[in-house]
């Protein structure tokens, strides 16, 4: 019932029974683009904080 209300689908990864968000074919564990975006965002934040602490420009 909650799946219908919140728009969850099943993950398309073979053998996976986790739920995927509506509009996505894969669950967060198997969604490469989501993982890549999270890593990139985290890496950018780490570089910015390191630059602030060292007083150097972040690239």
PDB file of N, CA and C in Angstrom:
ATOM      1  N   UNK A   1       0.817  -1.195   0.000  1.00  0.00           N
ATOM      2  CA  UNK A   1       0.000   0.000   0.000  1.00  0.00           C
ATOM      3  C   UNK A   1       0.860   1.257   0.000  1.00  0.00           C
ATOM      4  N   UNK A   2       1.872   1.300   0.854  1.00  0.00           N
ATOM      5  CA  UNK A   2       2.745   2.475   0.890  1.00  0.00           C
ATOM      6  C   UNK A   2       3.485   2.651  -0.428  1.00  0.00           C
ATOM      7  N   UNK A   3       3.771   1.550  -1.110  1.00  0.00           N
ATOM      8  CA  UNK A   3       4.454   1.638  -2.396  1.00  0.00           C
ATOM      9  C   UNK A   3       3.647   2.462  -3.386  1.00  0.00           C
ATOM     10  N   UNK A   4       2.348   2.310  -3.365  1.00  0.00           N
ATOM     11  CA  UNK A   4       1.489   3.053  -4.282  1.00  0.00           C
ATOM     12  C   UNK A   4       1.460   4.528  -3.899  1.00  0.00           C
ATOM     13  N   UNK A   5       1.358   4.821  -2.619  1.00  0.00           N
ATOM     14  CA  UNK A   5       1.277   6.208  -2.158  1.00  0.00           C
ATOM     15  C   UNK A   5       2.560   6.984  -2.401  1.00  0.00           C
ATOM     16  N   UNK A   6       3.703   6.372  -2.147  1.00  0.00           N
ATOM     17  CA  UNK A   6       4.965   7.092  -2.237  1.00  0.00           C
ATOM     18  C   UNK A   6       5.698   6.866  -3.549  1.00  0.00           C
ATOM     19  N   UNK A   7       5.175   6.037  -4.417  1.00  0.00           N
ATOM     20  CA  UNK A   7       5.756   5.856  -5.731  1.00  0.00           C
ATOM     21  C   UNK A   7       7.025   5.040  -5.750  1.00  0.00           C
ATOM     22  N   UNK A   8       7.015   3.888  -5.118  1.00  0.00           N
ATOM     23  CA  UNK A   8       8.185   3.016  -5.142  1.00  0.00           C
ATOM     24  C   UNK A   8       8.002   1.932  -6.190  1.00  0.00           C
ATOM     25  N   UNK A   9       9.079   1.580  -6.873  1.00  0.00           N
ATOM     26  CA  UNK A   9       9.096   0.481  -7.830  1.00  0.00           C
ATOM     27  C   UNK A   9      10.121  -0.534  -7.379  1.00  0.00           C
ATOM     28  N   UNK A  10      10.118  -1.701  -8.008  1.00  0.00           N
ATOM     29  CA  UNK A  10      11.128  -2.703  -7.696  1.00  0.00           C
ATOM     30  C   UNK A  10      12.401  -2.420  -8.481  1.00  0.00           C
ATOM     31  N   UNK A  11      13.537  -2.725  -7.888  1.00  0.00           N
ATOM     32  CA  UNK A  11      14.836  -2.559  -8.533  1.00  0.00           C
ATOM     33  C   UNK A  11      14.946  -3.541  -9.699  1.00  0.00           C
ATOM     34  N   UNK A  12      15.506  -3.080 -10.831  1.00  0.00           N
ATOM     35  CA  UNK A  12      15.665  -3.925 -12.017  1.00  0.00           C
ATOM     36  C   UNK A  12      16.949  -4.738 -12.006  1.00  0.00           C
ATOM     37  N   UNK A  13      17.789  -4.550 -10.984  1.00  0.00           N
ATOM     38  CA  UNK A  13      19.039  -5.307 -10.930  1.00  0.00           C
ATOM     39  C   UNK A  13      18.712  -6.780 -10.677  1.00  0.00           C
ATOM     40  N   UNK A  14      19.292  -7.697 -11.471  1.00  0.00           N
ATOM     41  CA  UNK A  14      18.966  -9.122 -11.317  1.00  0.00           C
ATOM     42  C   UNK A  14      19.214  -9.628  -9.888  1.00  0.00           C
ATOM     43  N   UNK A  15      18.200 -10.234  -9.313  1.00  0.00           N
ATOM     44  CA  UNK A  15      18.310 -10.817  -7.982  1.00  0.00           C
ATOM     45  C   UNK A  15      18.097  -9.846  -6.837  1.00  0.00           C
ATOM     46  N   UNK A  16      17.906  -8.578  -7.122  1.00  0.00           N
ATOM     47  CA  UNK A  16      17.712  -7.573  -6.068  1.00  0.00           C
ATOM     48  C   UNK A  16      16.219  -7.420  -5.791  1.00  0.00           C
ATOM     49  N   UNK A  17      15.862  -7.428  -4.517  1.00  0.00           N
ATOM     50  CA  UNK A  17      14.453  -7.253  -4.158  1.00  0.00           C
ATOM     51  C   UNK A  17      14.216  -5.945  -3.409  1.00  0.00           C
ATOM     52  N   UNK A  18      15.169  -5.023  -3.498  1.00  0.00           N
ATOM     53  CA  UNK A  18      15.012  -3.713  -2.845  1.00  0.00           C
ATOM     54  C   UNK A  18      14.082  -2.825  -3.677  1.00  0.00           C
ATOM     55  N   UNK A  19      13.686  -1.725  -3.083  1.00  0.00           N
ATOM     56  CA  UNK A  19      12.788  -0.806  -3.763  1.00  0.00           C
ATOM     57  C   UNK A  19      13.562   0.341  -4.394  1.00  0.00           C
ATOM     58  N   UNK A  20      13.090   0.775  -5.546  1.00  0.00           N
ATOM     59  CA  UNK A  20      13.672   1.914  -6.254  1.00  0.00           C
ATOM     60  C   UNK A  20      12.671   3.059  -6.220  1.00  0.00           C
ATOM     61  N   UNK A  21      13.178   4.275  -6.236  1.00  0.00           N
ATOM     62  CA  UNK A  21      12.283   5.432  -6.271  1.00  0.00           C
ATOM     63  C   UNK A  21      11.556   5.486  -7.600  1.00  0.00           C
ATOM     64  N   UNK A  22      10.412   6.105  -7.588  1.00  0.00           N
ATOM     65  CA  UNK A  22       9.639   6.271  -8.814  1.00  0.00           C
ATOM     66  C   UNK A  22      10.487   7.042  -9.822  1.00  0.00           C
ATOM     67  N   UNK A  23      10.550   6.563 -11.039  1.00  0.00           N
ATOM     68  CA  UNK A  23      11.338   7.218 -12.076  1.00  0.00           C
ATOM     69  C   UNK A  23      12.738   6.670 -12.200  1.00  0.00           C
ATOM     70  N   UNK A  24      13.163   5.842 -11.266  1.00  0.00           N
ATOM     71  CA  UNK A  24      14.485   5.223 -11.320  1.00  0.00           C
ATOM     72  C   UNK A  24      14.303   3.722 -11.511  1.00  0.00           C
ATOM     73  N   UNK A  25      15.205   3.124 -12.255  1.00  0.00           N
ATOM     74  CA  UNK A  25      15.111   1.680 -12.475  1.00  0.00           C
ATOM     75  C   UNK A  25      15.786   0.880 -11.380  1.00  0.00           C
ATOM     76  N   UNK A  26      16.673   1.523 -10.628  1.00  0.00           N
ATOM     77  CA  UNK A  26      17.479   0.796  -9.655  1.00  0.00           C
ATOM     78  C   UNK A  26      17.350   1.390  -8.255  1.00  0.00           C
ATOM     79  N   UNK A  27      17.571   0.545  -7.257  1.00  0.00           N
ATOM     80  CA  UNK A  27      17.595   1.003  -5.868  1.00  0.00           C
ATOM     81  C   UNK A  27      18.881   1.815  -5.648  1.00  0.00           C
ATOM     82  N   UNK A  28      18.993   2.560  -4.552  1.00  0.00           N
ATOM     83  CA  UNK A  28      20.198   3.358  -4.311  1.00  0.00           C
ATOM     84  C   UNK A  28      21.493   2.543  -4.328  1.00  0.00           C
ATOM     85  N   UNK A  29      21.435   1.278  -3.938  1.00  0.00           N
ATOM     86  CA  UNK A  29      22.648   0.461  -3.924  1.00  0.00           C
ATOM     87  C   UNK A  29      23.154   0.149  -5.338  1.00  0.00           C
ATOM     88  N   UNK A  30      22.245   0.055  -6.300  1.00  0.00           N
ATOM     89  CA  UNK A  30      22.620  -0.317  -7.657  1.00  0.00           C
ATOM     90  C   UNK A  30      22.520   0.842  -8.654  1.00  0.00           C
ATOM     91  N   UNK A  31      22.177   2.035  -8.180  1.00  0.00           N
ATOM     92  CA  UNK A  31      22.039   3.195  -9.062  1.00  0.00           C
ATOM     93  C   UNK A  31      23.375   3.919  -9.163  1.00  0.00           C
ATOM     94  N   UNK A  32      24.116   3.651 -10.224  1.00  0.00           N
ATOM     95  CA  UNK A  32      25.457   4.204 -10.400  1.00  0.00           C
ATOM     96  C   UNK A  32      25.440   5.730 -10.441  1.00  0.00           C
ATOM     97  N   UNK A  33      24.489   6.315 -11.149  1.00  0.00           N
ATOM     98  CA  UNK A  33      24.453   7.779 -11.270  1.00  0.00           C
ATOM     99  C   UNK A  33      24.241   8.438  -9.910  1.00  0.00           C
ATOM    100  N   UNK A  34      23.363   7.874  -9.083  1.00  0.00           N
ATOM    101  CA  UNK A  34      23.137   8.431  -7.750  1.00  0.00           C
ATOM    102  C   UNK A  34      24.410   8.339  -6.917  1.00  0.00           C
ATOM    103  N   UNK A  35      25.071   7.195  -6.968  1.00  0.00           N
ATOM    104  CA  UNK A  35      26.307   7.016  -6.210  1.00  0.00           C
ATOM    105  C   UNK A  35      27.384   7.980  -6.696  1.00  0.00           C
ATOM    106  N   UNK A  36      27.509   8.136  -8.015  1.00  0.00           N
ATOM    107  CA  UNK A  36      28.521   9.027  -8.588  1.00  0.00           C
ATOM    108  C   UNK A  36      28.251  10.474  -8.175  1.00  0.00           C
ATOM    109  N   UNK A  37      27.000  10.908  -8.261  1.00  0.00           N
ATOM    110  CA  UNK A  37      26.655  12.276  -7.878  1.00  0.00           C
ATOM    111  C   UNK A  37      26.925  12.523  -6.400  1.00  0.00           C
ATOM    112  N   UNK A  38      26.596  11.556  -5.546  1.00  0.00           N
ATOM    113  CA  UNK A  38      26.866  11.703  -4.118  1.00  0.00           C
ATOM    114  C   UNK A  38      28.362  11.794  -3.855  1.00  0.00           C
ATOM    115  N   UNK A  39      29.151  10.964  -4.543  1.00  0.00           N
ATOM    116  CA  UNK A  39      30.600  10.994  -4.368  1.00  0.00           C
ATOM    117  C   UNK A  39      31.171  12.326  -4.840  1.00  0.00           C
ATOM    118  N   UNK A  40      30.736  12.787  -6.017  1.00  0.00           N
ATOM    119  CA  UNK A  40      31.237  14.054  -6.555  1.00  0.00           C
ATOM    120  C   UNK A  40      30.916  15.213  -5.618  1.00  0.00           C
ATOM    121  N   UNK A  41      29.703  15.244  -5.100  1.00  0.00           N
ATOM    122  CA  UNK A  41      29.296  16.319  -4.188  1.00  0.00           C
ATOM    123  C   UNK A  41      30.120  16.265  -2.905  1.00  0.00           C
ATOM    124  N   UNK A  42      30.318  15.069  -2.384  1.00  0.00           N
ATOM    125  CA  UNK A  42      31.103  14.894  -1.166  1.00  0.00           C
ATOM    126  C   UNK A  42      32.552  15.310  -1.398  1.00  0.00           C
ATOM    127  N   UNK A  43      33.112  14.929  -2.543  1.00  0.00           N
ATOM    128  CA  UNK A  43      34.494  15.273  -2.876  1.00  0.00           C
ATOM    129  C   UNK A  43      34.652  16.789  -3.002  1.00  0.00           C
ATOM    130  N   UNK A  44      33.699  17.454  -3.654  1.00  0.00           N
ATOM    131  CA  UNK A  44      33.750  18.914  -3.785  1.00  0.00           C
ATOM    132  C   UNK A  44      33.719  19.589  -2.418  1.00  0.00           C
ATOM    133  N   UNK A  45      32.856  19.110  -1.530  1.00  0.00           N
ATOM    134  CA  UNK A  45      32.786  19.686  -0.181  1.00  0.00           C
ATOM    135  C   UNK A  45      34.086  19.478   0.580  1.00  0.00           C
ATOM    136  N   UNK A  46      34.691  18.307   0.438  1.00  0.00           N
ATOM    137  CA  UNK A  46      35.961  18.021   1.109  1.00  0.00           C
ATOM    138  C   UNK A  46      37.054  18.951   0.602  1.00  0.00           C
ATOM    139  N   UNK A  47      37.110  19.152  -0.712  1.00  0.00           N
ATOM    140  CA  UNK A  47      38.127  20.051  -1.286  1.00  0.00           C
ATOM    141  C   UNK A  47      37.927  21.487  -0.809  1.00  0.00           C
ATOM    142  N   UNK A  48      36.679  21.938  -0.762  1.00  0.00           N
ATOM    143  CA  UNK A  48      36.402  23.306  -0.319  1.00  0.00           C
ATOM    144  C   UNK A  48      36.811  23.511   1.137  1.00  0.00           C
ATOM    145  N   UNK A  49      36.487  22.543   1.989  1.00  0.00           N
ATOM    146  CA  UNK A  49      36.850  22.658   3.406  1.00  0.00           C
ATOM    147  C   UNK A  49      38.357  22.620   3.594  1.00  0.00           C
ATOM    148  N   UNK A  50      39.040  21.781   2.832  1.00  0.00           N
ATOM    149  CA  UNK A  50      40.498  21.713   2.922  1.00  0.00           C
ATOM    150  C   UNK A  50      41.112  23.026   2.462  1.00  0.00           C
ATOM    151  N   UNK A  51      40.551  23.619   1.419  1.00  0.00           N
ATOM    152  CA  UNK A  51      41.064  24.891   0.919  1.00  0.00           C
ATOM    153  C   UNK A  51      40.854  26.002   1.948  1.00  0.00           C
ATOM    154  N   UNK A  52      39.716  25.986   2.617  1.00  0.00           N
ATOM    155  CA  UNK A  52      39.446  26.992   3.648  1.00  0.00           C
ATOM    156  C   UNK A  52      40.419  26.860   4.811  1.00  0.00           C
ATOM    157  N   UNK A  53      40.726  25.635   5.188  1.00  0.00           N
ATOM    158  CA  UNK A  53      41.613  25.410   6.323  1.00  0.00           C
ATOM    159  C   UNK A  53      43.062  25.752   5.999  1.00  0.00           C
ATOM    160  N   UNK A  54      43.467  25.539   4.757  1.00  0.00           N
ATOM    161  CA  UNK A  54      44.860  25.799   4.384  1.00  0.00           C
ATOM    162  C   UNK A  54      45.046  27.177   3.775  1.00  0.00           C
ATOM    163  N   UNK A  55      43.940  27.831   3.436  1.00  0.00           N
ATOM    164  CA  UNK A  55      44.034  29.149   2.830  1.00  0.00           C
ATOM    165  C   UNK A  55      44.417  29.095   1.363  1.00  0.00           C
ATOM    166  N   UNK A  56      44.328  27.912   0.762  1.00  0.00           N
ATOM    167  CA  UNK A  56      44.651  27.767  -0.658  1.00  0.00           C
ATOM    168  C   UNK A  56      43.372  27.741  -1.475  1.00  0.00           C
ATOM    169  N   UNK A  57      43.543  28.010  -2.758  1.00  0.00           N
ATOM    170  CA  UNK A  57      42.425  28.008  -3.676  1.00  0.00           C
ATOM    171  C   UNK A  57      42.034  26.568  -4.010  1.00  0.00           C
ATOM    172  N   UNK A  58      40.727  26.279  -4.049  1.00  0.00           N
ATOM    173  CA  UNK A  58      40.301  24.932  -4.445  1.00  0.00           C
ATOM    174  C   UNK A  58      40.043  24.922  -5.941  1.00  0.00           C
ATOM    175  N   UNK A  59      40.391  23.848  -6.563  1.00  0.00           N
ATOM    176  CA  UNK A  59      40.234  23.736  -8.022  1.00  0.00           C
ATOM    177  C   UNK A  59      39.168  22.760  -8.375  1.00  0.00           C
TER     178      UNK A  59
END
